[in-house]
Amino acid sequence: MATDNDDGDRDEGDADANATPDGPDRERDCDHEVLETLLAGNRRHVDSLPDDYFRDVRTGQHPGVVAICCSDSRVPHEHMWGFDHPGAVFTPSNIGNQVWDEDDGERIVDGGILYPIYHTETAVAAVVGHTGCGAVTAAYRVATGGNVPGPQGVDKWVEMLVPVVEEALERGAVDADADEETVVNQLVEYNVDRQVQFLRDAADVPDDISIYGFVYDFQRIYGDADGRAYLVNVDGETDPAAIRECVPDGYETAAVSLLS
């Protein structure tokens, strides 16, 4: 037979088991405004899809291009190209749209680029920078005597960009006497060129892969259109006049450079 103490112990234990934590943890656990936004958005996404939306890619993918972009929330990786179906673009991204990573002190081509080239029959690579890039800005400030922004996981990628910035400044490839916004946007383009060249020189990238460099402009730096991807590099060619000669008719105005 249970005693009063036994009942008390059991009740207290049950109360502990069912207790809801008080204080900051409880507040944080119940504050799901962003989560609700995500779930609601996904519900709208699901409701908008036709029944055959994934029909051609349910069992595999063969994207026509791998486009490495900066991890900036203002750069819509697929929508910038106007695709409304899945499987068209393989979209790796990182801080500063860098095509490389480091392994035991050696710079190697990032696996996010190599995977589609080797395993999904992708034959075109695009490097996509963007105006006002925070990563390039941070690297520029470090190169000119400032501190890395932190934390360590961010610093790694900024520090990999610093030599690109230093090289541009040493070569006089950018107008170092201009205001910071101008210099940064020139460095964005220079970085795209440098990333394209790294891919062209890399032994792991087959010679028959076409490589394009773009700068996505949402600040009207290159022209008066929001969201245009300006073509600044085609397989190593950076002269806008030469690029205009090889783009399809009607797209010549997309070939612009801040470095020329």
Protein backbone atom coordinates (compact mmCIF):
# COMPACT_ATOMS: atom_id res chain seq x y z
CA MET A 1 0.00 0.00 0.00
CA ALA A 2 1.27 3.40 -0.84
CA THR A 3 2.04 5.75 1.99
CA ASP A 4 1.39 9.47 2.10
CA ASN A 5 5.08 9.95 1.49
CA ASP A 6 4.98 7.64 -1.51
CA ASP A 7 2.08 9.58 -2.96
CA GLY A 8 3.89 12.81 -2.32
CA ASP A 9 7.04 11.54 -3.97
CA ARG A 10 5.12 10.28 -6.96
CA ASP A 11 3.19 13.52 -7.35
CA GLU A 12 6.34 15.55 -7.07
CA GLY A 13 8.09 13.35 -9.63
CA ASP A 14 5.13 13.60 -12.00
CA ALA A 15 5.13 17.34 -11.56
CA ASP A 16 8.83 17.48 -12.42
CA ALA A 17 8.32 15.30 -15.47
CA ASN A 18 5.55 17.52 -16.79
CA ALA A 19 7.09 20.83 -15.76
CA THR A 20 7.51 23.58 -18.34
CA PRO A 21 10.77 25.47 -17.91
CA ASP A 22 10.47 29.05 -16.80
CA GLY A 23 12.70 32.01 -17.56
CA PRO A 24 14.66 32.91 -20.71
CA ASP A 25 14.79 29.34 -22.06
CA ARG A 26 11.03 29.09 -22.08
CA GLU A 27 10.75 32.47 -23.80
CA ARG A 28 13.23 31.44 -26.45
CA ASP A 29 11.51 28.09 -27.02
CA CYS A 30 8.16 29.79 -27.58
CA ASP A 31 9.40 32.56 -29.85
CA HIS A 32 9.01 30.93 -33.24
CA GLU A 33 8.02 33.87 -35.41
CA VAL A 34 10.71 33.17 -38.00
CA LEU A 35 9.96 29.45 -37.92
CA GLU A 36 6.30 30.18 -38.60
CA THR A 37 7.31 32.40 -41.52
CA LEU A 38 9.41 29.57 -42.97
CA LEU A 39 6.71 26.95 -42.53
CA ALA A 40 4.03 29.21 -43.98
CA GLY A 41 6.26 30.07 -46.91
CA ASN A 42 6.97 26.41 -47.58
CA ARG A 43 3.25 25.67 -47.47
CA ARG A 44 2.67 28.31 -50.14
CA HIS A 45 5.54 26.83 -52.13
CA VAL A 46 4.05 23.33 -51.95
CA ASP A 47 0.58 24.59 -52.88
CA SER A 48 1.97 26.45 -55.90
CA LEU A 49 3.76 23.47 -57.45
CA PRO A 50 2.16 21.56 -60.31
CA ASP A 51 1.95 17.80 -59.85
CA ASP A 52 4.75 17.16 -62.34
CA TYR A 53 7.14 19.82 -61.02
CA PHE A 54 9.88 17.31 -60.07
CA ARG A 55 9.00 14.75 -62.74
CA ASP A 56 12.24 15.08 -64.71
CA VAL A 57 14.58 15.28 -61.72
CA ARG A 58 13.14 12.86 -59.15
CA THR A 59 15.87 10.29 -59.70
CA GLY A 60 18.79 12.42 -60.85
CA GLN A 61 20.05 15.83 -61.86
CA HIS A 62 21.91 17.24 -64.84
CA PRO A 63 22.17 20.98 -64.25
CA GLY A 64 23.41 22.97 -67.20
CA VAL A 65 25.59 25.23 -65.07
CA VAL A 66 27.27 25.30 -61.69
CA ALA A 67 27.12 28.88 -60.45
CA ILE A 68 29.09 29.71 -57.32
CA CYS A 69 27.68 32.80 -55.67
CA CYS A 70 28.33 34.78 -52.55
CA SER A 71 26.27 33.68 -49.56
CA ASP A 72 24.56 37.06 -49.45
CA SER A 73 20.82 37.01 -48.79
CA ARG A 74 20.30 39.67 -51.46
CA VAL A 75 21.56 37.43 -54.26
CA PRO A 76 18.77 35.09 -55.51
CA HIS A 77 20.89 32.25 -56.82
CA GLU A 78 18.35 30.62 -59.14
CA HIS A 79 15.83 33.38 -59.71
CA MET A 80 18.46 35.74 -61.13
CA TRP A 81 18.54 33.51 -64.22
CA GLY A 82 14.77 33.31 -64.51
CA PHE A 83 14.51 29.56 -64.02
CA ASP A 84 11.16 28.34 -62.72
CA HIS A 85 11.97 24.62 -62.72
CA PRO A 86 14.28 22.55 -60.51
CA GLY A 87 17.56 21.01 -61.62
CA ALA A 88 18.74 23.84 -63.87
CA VAL A 89 21.49 25.34 -61.69
CA PHE A 90 23.84 23.75 -59.17
CA THR A 91 24.27 26.48 -56.55
CA PRO A 92 27.21 26.24 -54.14
CA SER A 93 27.93 29.43 -52.23
CA ASN A 94 30.31 30.80 -49.64
CA ILE A 95 31.59 34.08 -48.28
CA GLY A 96 33.01 36.01 -51.22
CA ASN A 97 32.03 33.55 -54.03
CA GLN A 98 35.39 31.81 -53.75
CA VAL A 99 36.06 28.83 -55.98
CA TRP A 100 38.79 27.50 -53.73
CA ASP A 101 39.16 25.98 -50.31
CA GLU A 102 42.24 25.04 -48.30
CA ASP A 103 43.38 21.51 -47.53
CA ASP A 104 46.58 21.01 -45.53
CA GLY A 105 47.73 24.47 -46.56
CA GLU A 106 47.08 23.89 -50.26
CA ARG A 107 44.43 25.70 -52.25
CA ILE A 108 42.13 23.29 -54.03
CA VAL A 109 38.99 23.72 -56.11
CA ASP A 110 35.92 23.69 -53.90
CA GLY A 111 34.01 20.42 -54.05
CA GLY A 112 30.74 22.23 -54.61
CA ILE A 113 32.06 23.16 -58.05
CA LEU A 114 33.75 19.88 -58.88
CA TYR A 115 30.84 17.64 -57.90
CA PRO A 116 28.47 18.70 -60.73
CA ILE A 117 31.33 18.79 -63.25
CA TYR A 118 32.35 15.23 -62.43
CA HIS A 119 29.05 13.65 -61.43
CA THR A 120 26.14 15.43 -63.14
CA GLU A 121 27.59 16.14 -66.60
CA THR A 122 27.68 19.90 -66.03
CA ALA A 123 29.85 21.62 -68.64
CA VAL A 124 29.55 25.30 -67.67
CA ALA A 125 30.77 27.07 -64.53
CA ALA A 126 29.90 30.61 -63.50
CA VAL A 127 31.46 32.76 -60.80
CA VAL A 128 28.94 35.32 -59.56
CA GLY A 129 30.07 38.23 -57.42
CA HIS A 130 27.82 41.10 -56.40
CA THR A 131 28.06 44.82 -55.82
CA GLY A 132 28.70 45.99 -52.28
CA CYS A 133 30.11 42.62 -51.21
CA GLY A 134 30.72 42.51 -47.46
CA ALA A 135 33.42 39.85 -47.76
CA VAL A 136 35.41 41.91 -50.24
CA THR A 137 34.90 44.98 -48.08
CA ALA A 138 36.24 43.13 -45.04
CA ALA A 139 39.25 41.83 -46.99
CA TYR A 140 39.98 45.34 -48.28
CA ARG A 141 39.94 46.74 -44.76
CA VAL A 142 42.28 44.00 -43.54
CA ALA A 143 44.61 44.61 -46.47
CA THR A 144 44.73 48.30 -45.60
CA GLY A 145 45.51 47.83 -41.92
CA GLY A 146 42.19 46.89 -40.32
CA ASN A 147 41.23 43.83 -38.30
CA VAL A 148 39.42 40.70 -39.39
CA PRO A 149 35.73 40.89 -38.44
CA GLY A 150 35.43 37.57 -36.57
CA PRO A 151 34.54 34.97 -35.59
CA GLN A 152 37.10 32.42 -36.79
CA GLY A 153 34.77 30.71 -39.25
CA VAL A 154 34.24 34.04 -41.02
CA ASP A 155 37.88 35.11 -40.74
CA LYS A 156 39.05 32.03 -42.65
CA TRP A 157 37.18 33.11 -45.78
CA VAL A 158 38.05 36.78 -45.43
CA GLU A 159 41.74 35.94 -45.02
CA MET A 160 41.65 33.85 -48.21
CA LEU A 161 40.46 36.95 -50.05
CA VAL A 162 43.09 39.29 -48.64
CA PRO A 163 45.84 38.21 -51.10
CA VAL A 164 43.45 38.91 -53.99
CA VAL A 165 42.87 42.42 -52.70
CA GLU A 166 46.57 43.00 -52.04
CA GLU A 167 47.42 41.83 -55.55
CA ALA A 168 44.86 44.21 -57.08
CA LEU A 169 46.21 47.14 -55.07
CA GLU A 170 49.85 46.34 -55.85
CA ARG A 171 49.16 45.99 -59.57
CA GLY A 172 47.17 49.21 -59.72
CA ALA A 173 44.20 47.27 -61.07
CA VAL A 174 41.79 49.41 -59.03
CA ASP A 175 41.63 53.10 -58.23
CA ALA A 176 43.07 52.98 -54.72
CA ASP A 177 42.54 56.73 -54.26
CA ALA A 178 38.80 56.54 -54.86
CA ASP A 179 36.17 56.29 -52.11
CA GLU A 180 35.71 52.93 -50.44
CA GLU A 181 32.48 52.07 -52.29
CA THR A 182 34.17 52.56 -55.66
CA VAL A 183 37.25 50.59 -54.66
CA VAL A 184 35.22 47.74 -53.22
CA ASN A 185 33.09 47.37 -56.34
CA GLN A 186 36.19 47.35 -58.51
CA LEU A 187 37.67 44.72 -56.21
CA VAL A 188 34.48 42.65 -56.51
CA GLU A 189 35.05 42.45 -60.25
CA TYR A 190 38.76 41.81 -59.83
CA ASN A 191 37.95 38.96 -57.46
CA VAL A 192 35.56 37.42 -60.01
CA ASP A 193 38.35 37.54 -62.60
CA ARG A 194 40.79 35.97 -60.16
CA GLN A 195 38.37 33.17 -59.31
CA VAL A 196 37.73 32.47 -63.00
CA GLN A 197 41.47 32.28 -63.63
CA PHE A 198 41.96 29.87 -60.75
CA LEU A 199 39.40 27.52 -62.30
CA ARG A 200 41.03 27.85 -65.71
CA ASP A 201 44.43 26.98 -64.25
CA ALA A 202 43.23 24.13 -62.01
CA ALA A 203 44.19 20.64 -63.10
CA ASP A 204 40.93 19.28 -61.67
CA VAL A 205 38.80 21.38 -64.04
CA PRO A 206 38.64 19.85 -67.55
CA ASP A 207 39.76 22.08 -70.40
CA ASP A 208 36.40 21.85 -72.17
CA ILE A 209 34.47 23.50 -69.31
CA SER A 210 33.24 26.97 -70.23
CA ILE A 211 33.78 29.47 -67.42
CA TYR A 212 31.95 32.78 -67.11
CA GLY A 213 32.31 35.60 -64.61
CA PHE A 214 29.40 37.83 -63.60
CA VAL A 215 28.72 40.64 -61.16
CA TYR A 216 25.13 40.77 -59.91
CA ASP A 217 24.13 44.41 -59.47
CA PHE A 218 21.34 45.38 -57.08
CA GLN A 219 22.80 48.83 -56.36
CA ARG A 220 22.82 50.25 -59.92
CA ILE A 221 26.59 50.51 -59.99
CA TYR A 222 27.02 49.16 -63.52
CA GLY A 223 23.81 50.53 -65.01
CA ASP A 224 20.28 51.62 -64.28
CA ALA A 225 18.68 48.17 -63.95
CA ASP A 226 18.22 46.35 -60.65
CA GLY A 227 19.20 42.69 -60.60
CA ARG A 228 21.15 42.50 -63.83
CA ALA A 229 24.05 40.08 -63.98
CA TYR A 230 26.83 41.84 -65.85
CA LEU A 231 29.15 39.61 -67.84
CA VAL A 232 32.73 40.58 -66.99
CA ASN A 233 34.70 37.48 -67.97
CA VAL A 234 34.34 34.79 -70.64
CA ASP A 235 36.94 32.03 -70.40
CA GLY A 236 39.54 34.53 -69.24
CA GLU A 237 38.61 37.31 -71.65
CA THR A 238 37.90 40.51 -69.72
CA ASP A 239 37.79 43.17 -72.44
CA PRO A 240 34.11 44.26 -72.74
CA ALA A 241 34.46 44.95 -76.46
CA ALA A 242 35.77 41.43 -77.08
CA ILE A 243 33.06 39.93 -74.86
CA ARG A 244 30.36 41.80 -76.80
CA GLU A 245 31.59 40.08 -79.94
CA CYS A 246 30.78 36.65 -78.52
CA VAL A 247 27.47 37.23 -76.71
CA PRO A 248 24.16 36.58 -78.49
CA ASP A 249 22.55 39.50 -80.29
CA GLY A 250 20.60 41.77 -77.98
CA TYR A 251 22.75 41.16 -74.91
CA GLU A 252 25.71 43.39 -75.69
CA THR A 253 24.80 45.84 -72.92
CA ALA A 254 25.41 43.11 -70.34
CA ALA A 255 29.15 43.25 -71.08
CA VAL A 256 30.43 46.06 -68.85
CA SER A 257 33.54 46.46 -66.71
CA LEU A 258 34.52 48.77 -63.88
CA LEU A 259 38.16 47.90 -64.45
CA SER A 260 38.53 48.96 -68.06
